[in-house]
Amino acid sequence: FEQWRPDAGDFPQEVLGRPLPRWPGERWLDIRRLDLL
């Protein structure tokens, strides 16, 4: 997930994981949730 993207609001909070170490504003996605992603 990238917080600055125009579709950032389309990502449910429950699929947002830990931040990526080198990239501020990015968080891993729970790719198990195909129904939501």
PDB file of all heavy atoms in Angstrom:
ATOM      1  N   PHE A   1       0.846  -1.194   0.000  1.00  0.00           N
ATOM      2  CA  PHE A   1       0.000   0.000   0.000  1.00  0.00           C
ATOM      3  C   PHE A   1       0.878   1.239   0.000  1.00  0.00           C
ATOM      4  O   PHE A   1       1.903   1.292   0.690  1.00  0.00           O
ATOM      5  CB  PHE A   1      -0.870  -0.034   1.252  1.00  0.00           C
ATOM      6  CG  PHE A   1      -1.579   1.240   1.580  1.00  0.00           C
ATOM      7  CD1 PHE A   1      -2.779   1.560   0.965  1.00  0.00           C
ATOM      8  CD2 PHE A   1      -1.069   2.120   2.534  1.00  0.00           C
ATOM      9  CE1 PHE A   1      -3.454   2.733   1.288  1.00  0.00           C
ATOM     10  CE2 PHE A   1      -1.730   3.289   2.855  1.00  0.00           C
ATOM     11  CZ  PHE A   1      -2.923   3.597   2.229  1.00  0.00           C
ATOM     12  N   GLU A   2       0.482   2.247  -0.783  1.00  0.00           N
ATOM     13  CA  GLU A   2       1.183   3.536  -0.815  1.00  0.00           C
ATOM     14  C   GLU A   2       0.182   4.626  -0.450  1.00  0.00           C
ATOM     15  O   GLU A   2      -0.814   4.811  -1.146  1.00  0.00           O
ATOM     16  CB  GLU A   2       1.765   3.789  -2.203  1.00  0.00           C
ATOM     17  CG  GLU A   2       2.817   2.762  -2.620  1.00  0.00           C
ATOM     18  CD  GLU A   2       3.113   2.799  -4.110  1.00  0.00           C
ATOM     19  OE1 GLU A   2       2.143   2.870  -4.908  1.00  0.00           O
ATOM     20  OE2 GLU A   2       4.288   2.752  -4.484  1.00  0.00           O
ATOM     21  N   GLN A   3       0.448   5.350   0.609  1.00  0.00           N
ATOM     22  CA  GLN A   3      -0.560   6.247   1.166  1.00  0.00           C
ATOM     23  C   GLN A   3      -0.882   7.446   0.275  1.00  0.00           C
ATOM     24  O   GLN A   3      -1.933   8.082   0.444  1.00  0.00           O
ATOM     25  CB  GLN A   3      -0.129   6.732   2.546  1.00  0.00           C
ATOM     26  CG  GLN A   3       1.110   7.610   2.544  1.00  0.00           C
ATOM     27  CD  GLN A   3       1.531   8.009   3.954  1.00  0.00           C
ATOM     28  OE1 GLN A   3       1.158   7.371   4.932  1.00  0.00           O
ATOM     29  NE2 GLN A   3       2.316   9.077   4.061  1.00  0.00           N
ATOM     30  N   TRP A   4      -0.015   7.747  -0.686  1.00  0.00           N
ATOM     31  CA  TRP A   4      -0.219   8.934  -1.514  1.00  0.00           C
ATOM     32  C   TRP A   4      -0.978   8.646  -2.816  1.00  0.00           C
ATOM     33  O   TRP A   4      -1.263   9.566  -3.578  1.00  0.00           O
ATOM     34  CB  TRP A   4       1.134   9.559  -1.854  1.00  0.00           C
ATOM     35  CG  TRP A   4       2.034   8.649  -2.652  1.00  0.00           C
ATOM     36  CD1 TRP A   4       2.095   8.526  -4.014  1.00  0.00           C
ATOM     37  CD2 TRP A   4       2.975   7.711  -2.123  1.00  0.00           C
ATOM     38  NE1 TRP A   4       3.021   7.577  -4.371  1.00  0.00           N
ATOM     39  CE2 TRP A   4       3.586   7.065  -3.222  1.00  0.00           C
ATOM     40  CE3 TRP A   4       3.380   7.373  -0.827  1.00  0.00           C
ATOM     41  CZ2 TRP A   4       4.569   6.083  -3.059  1.00  0.00           C
ATOM     42  CZ3 TRP A   4       4.351   6.398  -0.672  1.00  0.00           C
ATOM     43  CH2 TRP A   4       4.938   5.766  -1.772  1.00  0.00           C
ATOM     44  N   ARG A   5      -1.310   7.408  -3.068  1.00  0.00           N
ATOM     45  CA  ARG A   5      -1.969   7.079  -4.329  1.00  0.00           C
ATOM     46  C   ARG A   5      -3.432   7.544  -4.321  1.00  0.00           C
ATOM     47  O   ARG A   5      -4.091   7.575  -3.268  1.00  0.00           O
ATOM     48  CB  ARG A   5      -1.913   5.581  -4.586  1.00  0.00           C
ATOM     49  CG  ARG A   5      -0.510   5.045  -4.788  1.00  0.00           C
ATOM     50  CD  ARG A   5       0.211   5.726  -5.939  1.00  0.00           C
ATOM     51  NE  ARG A   5       1.468   5.031  -6.287  1.00  0.00           N
ATOM     52  CZ  ARG A   5       2.298   5.430  -7.233  1.00  0.00           C
ATOM     53  NH1 ARG A   5       2.035   6.523  -7.932  1.00  0.00           N
ATOM     54  NH2 ARG A   5       3.399   4.746  -7.482  1.00  0.00           N
ATOM     55  N   PRO A   6      -3.983   7.878  -5.487  1.00  0.00           N
ATOM     56  CA  PRO A   6      -5.363   8.379  -5.528  1.00  0.00           C
ATOM     57  C   PRO A   6      -6.405   7.346  -5.094  1.00  0.00           C
ATOM     58  O   PRO A   6      -7.514   7.734  -4.719  1.00  0.00           O
ATOM     59  CB  PRO A   6      -5.549   8.781  -6.998  1.00  0.00           C
ATOM     60  CG  PRO A   6      -4.491   8.051  -7.749  1.00  0.00           C
ATOM     61  CD  PRO A   6      -3.336   7.927  -6.815  1.00  0.00           C
ATOM     62  N   ASP A   7      -6.063   6.068  -5.147  1.00  0.00           N
ATOM     63  CA  ASP A   7      -7.014   5.039  -4.737  1.00  0.00           C
ATOM     64  C   ASP A   7      -6.700   4.485  -3.349  1.00  0.00           C
ATOM     65  O   ASP A   7      -7.191   3.413  -2.970  1.00  0.00           O
ATOM     66  CB  ASP A   7      -7.050   3.898  -5.757  1.00  0.00           C
ATOM     67  CG  ASP A   7      -5.716   3.166  -5.886  1.00  0.00           C
ATOM     68  OD1 ASP A   7      -4.715   3.629  -5.315  1.00  0.00           O
ATOM     69  OD2 ASP A   7      -5.679   2.126  -6.576  1.00  0.00           O
ATOM     70  N   ALA A   8      -5.900   5.206  -2.558  1.00  0.00           N
ATOM     71  CA  ALA A   8      -5.503   4.709  -1.233  1.00  0.00           C
ATOM     72  C   ALA A   8      -6.715   4.412  -0.361  1.00  0.00           C
ATOM     73  O   ALA A   8      -6.698   3.473   0.445  1.00  0.00           O
ATOM     74  CB  ALA A   8      -4.586   5.717  -0.551  1.00  0.00           C
ATOM     75  N   GLY A   9      -7.781   5.183  -0.514  1.00  0.00           N
ATOM     76  CA  GLY A   9      -8.980   4.976   0.286  1.00  0.00           C
ATOM     77  C   GLY A   9      -9.736   3.711  -0.055  1.00  0.00           C
ATOM     78  O   GLY A   9     -10.659   3.322   0.683  1.00  0.00           O
ATOM     79  N   ASP A  10      -9.375   3.049  -1.146  1.00  0.00           N
ATOM     80  CA  ASP A  10     -10.053   1.805  -1.540  1.00  0.00           C
ATOM     81  C   ASP A  10      -9.519   0.580  -0.807  1.00  0.00           C
ATOM     82  O   ASP A  10     -10.099  -0.502  -0.915  1.00  0.00           O
ATOM     83  CB  ASP A  10      -9.916   1.584  -3.049  1.00  0.00           C
ATOM     84  CG  ASP A  10     -10.605   2.658  -3.866  1.00  0.00           C
ATOM     85  OD1 ASP A  10     -11.509   3.318  -3.311  1.00  0.00           O
ATOM     86  OD2 ASP A  10     -10.242   2.845  -5.045  1.00  0.00           O
ATOM     87  N   PHE A  11      -8.404   0.734  -0.101  1.00  0.00           N
ATOM     88  CA  PHE A  11      -7.808  -0.392   0.614  1.00  0.00           C
ATOM     89  C   PHE A  11      -8.392  -0.478   2.022  1.00  0.00           C
ATOM     90  O   PHE A  11      -8.229   0.458   2.816  1.00  0.00           O
ATOM     91  CB  PHE A  11      -6.292  -0.231   0.709  1.00  0.00           C
ATOM     92  CG  PHE A  11      -5.577  -0.413  -0.602  1.00  0.00           C
ATOM     93  CD1 PHE A  11      -5.419   0.650  -1.475  1.00  0.00           C
ATOM     94  CD2 PHE A  11      -5.043  -1.653  -0.947  1.00  0.00           C
ATOM     95  CE1 PHE A  11      -4.752   0.489  -2.686  1.00  0.00           C
ATOM     96  CE2 PHE A  11      -4.369  -1.823  -2.148  1.00  0.00           C
ATOM     97  CZ  PHE A  11      -4.227  -0.761  -3.025  1.00  0.00           C
ATOM     98  N   PRO A  12      -9.059  -1.579   2.364  1.00  0.00           N
ATOM     99  CA  PRO A  12      -9.576  -1.716   3.735  1.00  0.00           C
ATOM    100  C   PRO A  12      -8.440  -1.717   4.755  1.00  0.00           C
ATOM    101  O   PRO A  12      -7.349  -2.239   4.496  1.00  0.00           O
ATOM    102  CB  PRO A  12     -10.276  -3.081   3.704  1.00  0.00           C
ATOM    103  CG  PRO A  12     -10.555  -3.346   2.259  1.00  0.00           C
ATOM    104  CD  PRO A  12      -9.426  -2.710   1.512  1.00  0.00           C
ATOM    105  N   GLN A  13      -8.689  -1.137   5.912  1.00  0.00           N
ATOM    106  CA  GLN A  13      -7.666  -1.040   6.943  1.00  0.00           C
ATOM    107  C   GLN A  13      -7.137  -2.408   7.345  1.00  0.00           C
ATOM    108  O   GLN A  13      -5.955  -2.562   7.669  1.00  0.00           O
ATOM    109  CB  GLN A  13      -8.249  -0.318   8.164  1.00  0.00           C
ATOM    110  CG  GLN A  13      -7.231   0.037   9.226  1.00  0.00           C
ATOM    111  CD  GLN A  13      -6.252   1.122   8.791  1.00  0.00           C
ATOM    112  OE1 GLN A  13      -6.577   1.948   7.948  1.00  0.00           O
ATOM    113  NE2 GLN A  13      -5.062   1.125   9.363  1.00  0.00           N
ATOM    114  N   GLU A  14      -7.973  -3.421   7.290  1.00  0.00           N
ATOM    115  CA  GLU A  14      -7.568  -4.742   7.770  1.00  0.00           C
ATOM    116  C   GLU A  14      -6.522  -5.423   6.893  1.00  0.00           C
ATOM    117  O   GLU A  14      -5.904  -6.404   7.316  1.00  0.00           O
ATOM    118  CB  GLU A  14      -8.792  -5.659   7.894  1.00  0.00           C
ATOM    119  CG  GLU A  14      -9.489  -5.946   6.582  1.00  0.00           C
ATOM    120  CD  GLU A  14     -10.915  -6.409   6.795  1.00  0.00           C
ATOM    121  OE1 GLU A  14     -11.128  -7.631   6.929  1.00  0.00           O
ATOM    122  OE2 GLU A  14     -11.810  -5.543   6.825  1.00  0.00           O
ATOM    123  N   VAL A  15      -6.283  -4.927   5.669  1.00  0.00           N
ATOM    124  CA  VAL A  15      -5.265  -5.550   4.816  1.00  0.00           C
ATOM    125  C   VAL A  15      -3.926  -4.832   4.903  1.00  0.00           C
ATOM    126  O   VAL A  15      -2.967  -5.243   4.254  1.00  0.00           O
ATOM    127  CB  VAL A  15      -5.716  -5.618   3.338  1.00  0.00           C
ATOM    128  CG1 VAL A  15      -7.009  -6.388   3.213  1.00  0.00           C
ATOM    129  CG2 VAL A  15      -5.818  -4.235   2.701  1.00  0.00           C
ATOM    130  N   LEU A  16      -3.835  -3.780   5.720  1.00  0.00           N
ATOM    131  CA  LEU A  16      -2.605  -3.000   5.800  1.00  0.00           C
ATOM    132  C   LEU A  16      -1.703  -3.555   6.893  1.00  0.00           C
ATOM    133  O   LEU A  16      -2.097  -3.659   8.057  1.00  0.00           O
ATOM    134  CB  LEU A  16      -2.919  -1.530   6.082  1.00  0.00           C
ATOM    135  CG  LEU A  16      -3.864  -0.840   5.094  1.00  0.00           C
ATOM    136  CD1 LEU A  16      -3.982   0.640   5.433  1.00  0.00           C
ATOM    137  CD2 LEU A  16      -3.421  -1.043   3.660  1.00  0.00           C
ATOM    138  N   GLY A  17      -0.482  -3.915   6.507  1.00  0.00           N
ATOM    139  CA  GLY A  17       0.455  -4.532   7.424  1.00  0.00           C
ATOM    140  C   GLY A  17       1.568  -3.603   7.856  1.00  0.00           C
ATOM    141  O   GLY A  17       1.392  -2.384   7.952  1.00  0.00           O
ATOM    142  N   ARG A  18       2.730  -4.172   8.086  1.00  0.00           N
ATOM    143  CA  ARG A  18       3.878  -3.428   8.582  1.00  0.00           C
ATOM    144  C   ARG A  18       4.478  -2.527   7.499  1.00  0.00           C
ATOM    145  O   ARG A  18       4.381  -2.822   6.311  1.00  0.00           O
ATOM    146  CB  ARG A  18       4.924  -4.397   9.122  1.00  0.00           C
ATOM    147  CG  ARG A  18       4.482  -5.080  10.401  1.00  0.00           C
ATOM    148  CD  ARG A  18       5.475  -6.083  10.904  1.00  0.00           C
ATOM    149  NE  ARG A  18       5.024  -6.659  12.174  1.00  0.00           N
ATOM    150  CZ  ARG A  18       5.393  -7.840  12.633  1.00  0.00           C
ATOM    151  NH1 ARG A  18       6.246  -8.590  11.938  1.00  0.00           N
ATOM    152  NH2 ARG A  18       4.930  -8.290  13.790  1.00  0.00           N
ATOM    153  N   PRO A  19       5.141  -1.452   7.916  1.00  0.00           N
ATOM    154  CA  PRO A  19       5.785  -0.557   6.943  1.00  0.00           C
ATOM    155  C   PRO A  19       6.945  -1.254   6.237  1.00  0.00           C
ATOM    156  O   PRO A  19       7.614  -2.124   6.800  1.00  0.00           O
ATOM    157  CB  PRO A  19       6.287   0.603   7.801  1.00  0.00           C
ATOM    158  CG  PRO A  19       5.515   0.519   9.072  1.00  0.00           C
ATOM    159  CD  PRO A  19       5.233  -0.923   9.289  1.00  0.00           C
ATOM    160  N   LEU A  20       7.194  -0.845   5.000  1.00  0.00           N
ATOM    161  CA  LEU A  20       8.384  -1.285   4.294  1.00  0.00           C
ATOM    162  C   LEU A  20       9.569  -0.488   4.830  1.00  0.00           C
ATOM    163  O   LEU A  20       9.492   0.742   4.926  1.00  0.00           O
ATOM    164  CB  LEU A  20       8.245  -1.074   2.790  1.00  0.00           C
ATOM    165  CG  LEU A  20       7.541  -2.200   2.016  1.00  0.00           C
ATOM    166  CD1 LEU A  20       6.059  -2.273   2.361  1.00  0.00           C
ATOM    167  CD2 LEU A  20       7.718  -2.008   0.514  1.00  0.00           C
ATOM    168  N   PRO A  21      10.673  -1.146   5.170  1.00  0.00           N
ATOM    169  CA  PRO A  21      11.764  -0.463   5.874  1.00  0.00           C
ATOM    170  C   PRO A  21      12.331   0.752   5.159  1.00  0.00           C
ATOM    171  O   PRO A  21      12.606   1.767   5.785  1.00  0.00           O
ATOM    172  CB  PRO A  21      12.818  -1.563   6.021  1.00  0.00           C
ATOM    173  CG  PRO A  21      12.054  -2.843   5.959  1.00  0.00           C
ATOM    174  CD  PRO A  21      10.908  -2.586   5.032  1.00  0.00           C
ATOM    175  N   ARG A  22      12.518   0.679   3.857  1.00  0.00           N
ATOM    176  CA  ARG A  22      13.215   1.758   3.151  1.00  0.00           C
ATOM    177  C   ARG A  22      12.279   2.765   2.498  1.00  0.00           C
ATOM    178  O   ARG A  22      12.746   3.747   1.924  1.00  0.00           O
ATOM    179  CB  ARG A  22      14.121   1.172   2.064  1.00  0.00           C
ATOM    180  CG  ARG A  22      15.265   0.339   2.578  1.00  0.00           C
ATOM    181  CD  ARG A  22      16.182  -0.102   1.464  1.00  0.00           C
ATOM    182  NE  ARG A  22      16.676   1.037   0.688  1.00  0.00           N
ATOM    183  CZ  ARG A  22      17.632   0.949  -0.227  1.00  0.00           C
ATOM    184  NH1 ARG A  22      18.199  -0.216  -0.471  1.00  0.00           N
ATOM    185  NH2 ARG A  22      18.030   2.008  -0.884  1.00  0.00           N
ATOM    186  N   TRP A  23      10.974   2.542   2.587  1.00  0.00           N
ATOM    187  CA  TRP A  23      10.060   3.331   1.770  1.00  0.00           C
ATOM    188  C   TRP A  23       8.960   3.935   2.638  1.00  0.00           C
ATOM    189  O   TRP A  23       7.935   3.304   2.893  1.00  0.00           O
ATOM    190  CB  TRP A  23       9.467   2.466   0.662  1.00  0.00           C
ATOM    191  CG  TRP A  23      10.532   1.751  -0.127  1.00  0.00           C
ATOM    192  CD1 TRP A  23      10.866   0.434  -0.049  1.00  0.00           C
ATOM    193  CD2 TRP A  23      11.419   2.330  -1.084  1.00  0.00           C
ATOM    194  NE1 TRP A  23      11.899   0.145  -0.902  1.00  0.00           N
ATOM    195  CE2 TRP A  23      12.270   1.288  -1.560  1.00  0.00           C
ATOM    196  CE3 TRP A  23      11.590   3.617  -1.598  1.00  0.00           C
ATOM    197  CZ2 TRP A  23      13.267   1.501  -2.502  1.00  0.00           C
ATOM    198  CZ3 TRP A  23      12.586   3.834  -2.549  1.00  0.00           C
ATOM    199  CH2 TRP A  23      13.394   2.793  -2.985  1.00  0.00           C
ATOM    200  N   PRO A  24       9.133   5.184   3.094  1.00  0.00           N
ATOM    201  CA  PRO A  24       8.130   5.838   3.941  1.00  0.00           C
ATOM    202  C   PRO A  24       6.773   5.911   3.242  1.00  0.00           C
ATOM    203  O   PRO A  24       6.689   6.187   2.042  1.00  0.00           O
ATOM    204  CB  PRO A  24       8.714   7.242   4.146  1.00  0.00           C
ATOM    205  CG  PRO A  24      10.184   7.096   3.897  1.00  0.00           C
ATOM    206  CD  PRO A  24      10.311   6.032   2.853  1.00  0.00           C
ATOM    207  N   GLY A  25       5.733   5.651   3.996  1.00  0.00           N
ATOM    208  CA  GLY A  25       4.384   5.738   3.447  1.00  0.00           C
ATOM    209  C   GLY A  25       3.898   4.469   2.782  1.00  0.00           C
ATOM    210  O   GLY A  25       2.781   4.441   2.256  1.00  0.00           O
ATOM    211  N   GLU A  26       4.724   3.404   2.804  1.00  0.00           N
ATOM    212  CA  GLU A  26       4.322   2.122   2.216  1.00  0.00           C
ATOM    213  C   GLU A  26       4.144   1.080   3.308  1.00  0.00           C
ATOM    214  O   GLU A  26       4.907   1.029   4.270  1.00  0.00           O
ATOM    215  CB  GLU A  26       5.360   1.628   1.201  1.00  0.00           C
ATOM    216  CG  GLU A  26       5.500   2.520  -0.014  1.00  0.00           C
ATOM    217  CD  GLU A  26       6.360   1.893  -1.102  1.00  0.00           C
ATOM    218  OE1 GLU A  26       6.273   0.657  -1.289  1.00  0.00           O
ATOM    219  OE2 GLU A  26       7.119   2.636  -1.749  1.00  0.00           O
ATOM    220  N   ARG A  27       3.135   0.230   3.133  1.00  0.00           N
ATOM    221  CA  ARG A  27       2.872  -0.853   4.074  1.00  0.00           C
ATOM    222  C   ARG A  27       2.556  -2.129   3.291  1.00  0.00           C
ATOM    223  O   ARG A  27       1.889  -2.069   2.242  1.00  0.00           O
ATOM    224  CB  ARG A  27       1.702  -0.490   4.995  1.00  0.00           C
ATOM    225  CG  ARG A  27       1.990   0.697   5.889  1.00  0.00           C
ATOM    226  CD  ARG A  27       0.740   1.186   6.603  1.00  0.00           C
ATOM    227  NE  ARG A  27       0.236   0.198   7.556  1.00  0.00           N
ATOM    228  CZ  ARG A  27      -0.844   0.398   8.311  1.00  0.00           C
ATOM    229  NH1 ARG A  27      -1.501   1.556   8.241  1.00  0.00           N
ATOM    230  NH2 ARG A  27      -1.260  -0.533   9.147  1.00  0.00           N
ATOM    231  N   TRP A  28       3.020  -3.237   3.802  1.00  0.00           N
ATOM    232  CA  TRP A  28       2.726  -4.516   3.154  1.00  0.00           C
ATOM    233  C   TRP A  28       1.231  -4.797   3.196  1.00  0.00           C
ATOM    234  O   TRP A  28       0.523  -4.384   4.129  1.00  0.00           O
ATOM    235  CB  TRP A  28       3.478  -5.651   3.851  1.00  0.00           C
ATOM    236  CG  TRP A  28       4.949  -5.631   3.606  1.00  0.00           C
ATOM    237  CD1 TRP A  28       5.935  -5.287   4.490  1.00  0.00           C
ATOM    238  CD2 TRP A  28       5.617  -5.969   2.383  1.00  0.00           C
ATOM    239  NE1 TRP A  28       7.168  -5.383   3.901  1.00  0.00           N
ATOM    240  CE2 TRP A  28       7.006  -5.797   2.612  1.00  0.00           C
ATOM    241  CE3 TRP A  28       5.188  -6.399   1.136  1.00  0.00           C
ATOM    242  CZ2 TRP A  28       7.956  -6.041   1.623  1.00  0.00           C
ATOM    243  CZ3 TRP A  28       6.127  -6.640   0.143  1.00  0.00           C
ATOM    244  CH2 TRP A  28       7.492  -6.458   0.395  1.00  0.00           C
ATOM    245  N   LEU A  29       0.774  -5.520   2.190  1.00  0.00           N
ATOM    246  CA  LEU A  29      -0.633  -5.910   2.119  1.00  0.00           C
ATOM    247  C   LEU A  29      -0.812  -7.368   2.531  1.00  0.00           C
ATOM    248  O   LEU A  29       0.072  -8.201   2.297  1.00  0.00           O
ATOM    249  CB  LEU A  29      -1.153  -5.727   0.689  1.00  0.00           C
ATOM    250  CG  LEU A  29      -1.282  -4.297   0.192  1.00  0.00           C
ATOM    251  CD1 LEU A  29      -1.595  -4.291  -1.300  1.00  0.00           C
ATOM    252  CD2 LEU A  29      -2.355  -3.538   0.963  1.00  0.00           C
ATOM    253  N   ASP A  30      -1.969  -7.671   3.080  1.00  0.00           N
ATOM    254  CA  ASP A  30      -2.317  -9.051   3.389  1.00  0.00           C
ATOM    255  C   ASP A  30      -2.848  -9.697   2.120  1.00  0.00           C
ATOM    256  O   ASP A  30      -4.056  -9.690   1.849  1.00  0.00           O
ATOM    257  CB  ASP A  30      -3.365  -9.102   4.501  1.00  0.00           C
ATOM    258  CG  ASP A  30      -3.659 -10.520   4.954  1.00  0.00           C
ATOM    259  OD1 ASP A  30      -3.095 -11.470   4.353  1.00  0.00           O
ATOM    260  OD2 ASP A  30      -4.464 -10.692   5.896  1.00  0.00           O
ATOM    261  N   ILE A  31      -1.934 -10.239   1.335  1.00  0.00           N
ATOM    262  CA  ILE A  31      -2.315 -10.767   0.028  1.00  0.00           C
ATOM    263  C   ILE A  31      -3.151 -12.036   0.120  1.00  0.00           C
ATOM    264  O   ILE A  31      -3.653 -12.525  -0.902  1.00  0.00           O
ATOM    265  CB  ILE A  31      -1.077 -11.025  -0.849  1.00  0.00           C
ATOM    266  CG1 ILE A  31      -0.168 -12.070  -0.188  1.00  0.00           C
ATOM    267  CG2 ILE A  31      -0.334  -9.713  -1.119  1.00  0.00           C
ATOM    268  CD1 ILE A  31       0.888 -12.614  -1.121  1.00  0.00           C
ATOM    269  N   ARG A  32      -3.346 -12.560   1.306  1.00  0.00           N
ATOM    270  CA  ARG A  32      -4.257 -13.694   1.470  1.00  0.00           C
ATOM    271  C   ARG A  32      -5.698 -13.278   1.187  1.00  0.00           C
ATOM    272  O   ARG A  32      -6.521 -14.110   0.793  1.00  0.00           O
ATOM    273  CB  ARG A  32      -4.162 -14.258   2.895  1.00  0.00           C
ATOM    274  CG  ARG A  32      -2.784 -14.759   3.295  1.00  0.00           C
ATOM    275  CD  ARG A  32      -2.757 -15.097   4.785  1.00  0.00           C
ATOM    276  NE  ARG A  32      -3.106 -13.933   5.603  1.00  0.00           N
ATOM    277  CZ  ARG A  32      -3.441 -13.972   6.880  1.00  0.00           C
ATOM    278  NH1 ARG A  32      -3.472 -15.134   7.511  1.00  0.00           N
ATOM    279  NH2 ARG A  32      -3.727 -12.857   7.537  1.00  0.00           N
ATOM    280  N   ARG A  33      -5.993 -11.983   1.373  1.00  0.00           N
ATOM    281  CA  ARG A  33      -7.364 -11.497   1.238  1.00  0.00           C
ATOM    282  C   ARG A  33      -7.667 -11.119  -0.209  1.00  0.00           C
ATOM    283  O   ARG A  33      -7.846  -9.954  -0.562  1.00  0.00           O
ATOM    284  CB  ARG A  33      -7.591 -10.313   2.175  1.00  0.00           C
ATOM    285  CG  ARG A  33      -7.443 -10.640   3.646  1.00  0.00           C
ATOM    286  CD  ARG A  33      -8.427 -11.733   4.091  1.00  0.00           C
ATOM    287  NE  ARG A  33      -9.814 -11.439   3.727  1.00  0.00           N
ATOM    288  CZ  ARG A  33     -10.651 -10.762   4.493  1.00  0.00           C
ATOM    289  NH1 ARG A  33     -10.248 -10.306   5.665  1.00  0.00           N
ATOM    290  NH2 ARG A  33     -11.897 -10.544   4.088  1.00  0.00           N
ATOM    291  N   LEU A  34      -7.728 -12.132  -1.054  1.00  0.00           N
ATOM    292  CA  LEU A  34      -8.042 -11.885  -2.458  1.00  0.00           C
ATOM    293  C   LEU A  34      -9.425 -11.261  -2.609  1.00  0.00           C
ATOM    294  O   LEU A  34      -9.661 -10.477  -3.540  1.00  0.00           O
ATOM    295  CB  LEU A  34      -7.975 -13.193  -3.243  1.00  0.00           C
ATOM    296  CG  LEU A  34      -6.637 -13.941  -3.239  1.00  0.00           C
ATOM    297  CD1 LEU A  34      -6.709 -15.138  -4.175  1.00  0.00           C
ATOM    298  CD2 LEU A  34      -5.487 -13.027  -3.630  1.00  0.00           C
ATOM    299  N   ASP A  35     -10.337 -11.610  -1.716  1.00  0.00           N
ATOM    300  CA  ASP A  35     -11.691 -11.067  -1.798  1.00  0.00           C
ATOM    301  C   ASP A  35     -11.698  -9.547  -1.671  1.00  0.00           C
ATOM    302  O   ASP A  35     -12.520  -8.866  -2.305  1.00  0.00           O
ATOM    303  CB  ASP A  35     -12.583 -11.694  -0.729  1.00  0.00           C
ATOM    304  CG  ASP A  35     -12.039 -11.490   0.690  1.00  0.00           C
ATOM    305  OD1 ASP A  35     -10.803 -11.484   0.866  1.00  0.00           O
ATOM    306  OD2 ASP A  35     -12.856 -11.346   1.625  1.00  0.00           O
ATOM    307  N   LEU A  36     -10.783  -9.011  -0.874  1.00  0.00           N
ATOM    308  CA  LEU A  36     -10.723  -7.569  -0.676  1.00  0.00           C
ATOM    309  C   LEU A  36      -9.788  -6.872  -1.660  1.00  0.00           C
ATOM    310  O   LEU A  36     -10.019  -5.711  -2.017  1.00  0.00           O
ATOM    311  CB  LEU A  36     -10.270  -7.266   0.756  1.00  0.00           C
ATOM    312  CG  LEU A  36     -11.192  -7.775   1.871  1.00  0.00           C
ATOM    313  CD1 LEU A  36     -10.601  -7.441   3.237  1.00  0.00           C
ATOM    314  CD2 LEU A  36     -12.590  -7.183   1.735  1.00  0.00           C
ATOM    315  N   LEU A  37      -8.742  -7.561  -2.094  1.00  0.00           N
ATOM    316  CA  LEU A  37      -7.740  -6.920  -2.948  1.00  0.00           C
ATOM    317  C   LEU A  37      -8.032  -7.060  -4.443  1.00  0.00           C
ATOM    318  O   LEU A  37      -7.624  -6.200  -5.227  1.00  0.00           O
ATOM    319  CB  LEU A  37      -6.355  -7.495  -2.645  1.00  0.00           C
ATOM    320  CG  LEU A  37      -5.789  -7.119  -1.280  1.00  0.00           C
ATOM    321  CD1 LEU A  37      -4.453  -7.808  -1.038  1.00  0.00           C
ATOM    322  CD2 LEU A  37      -5.617  -5.600  -1.163  1.00  0.00           C
TER     323      LEU A  37
END
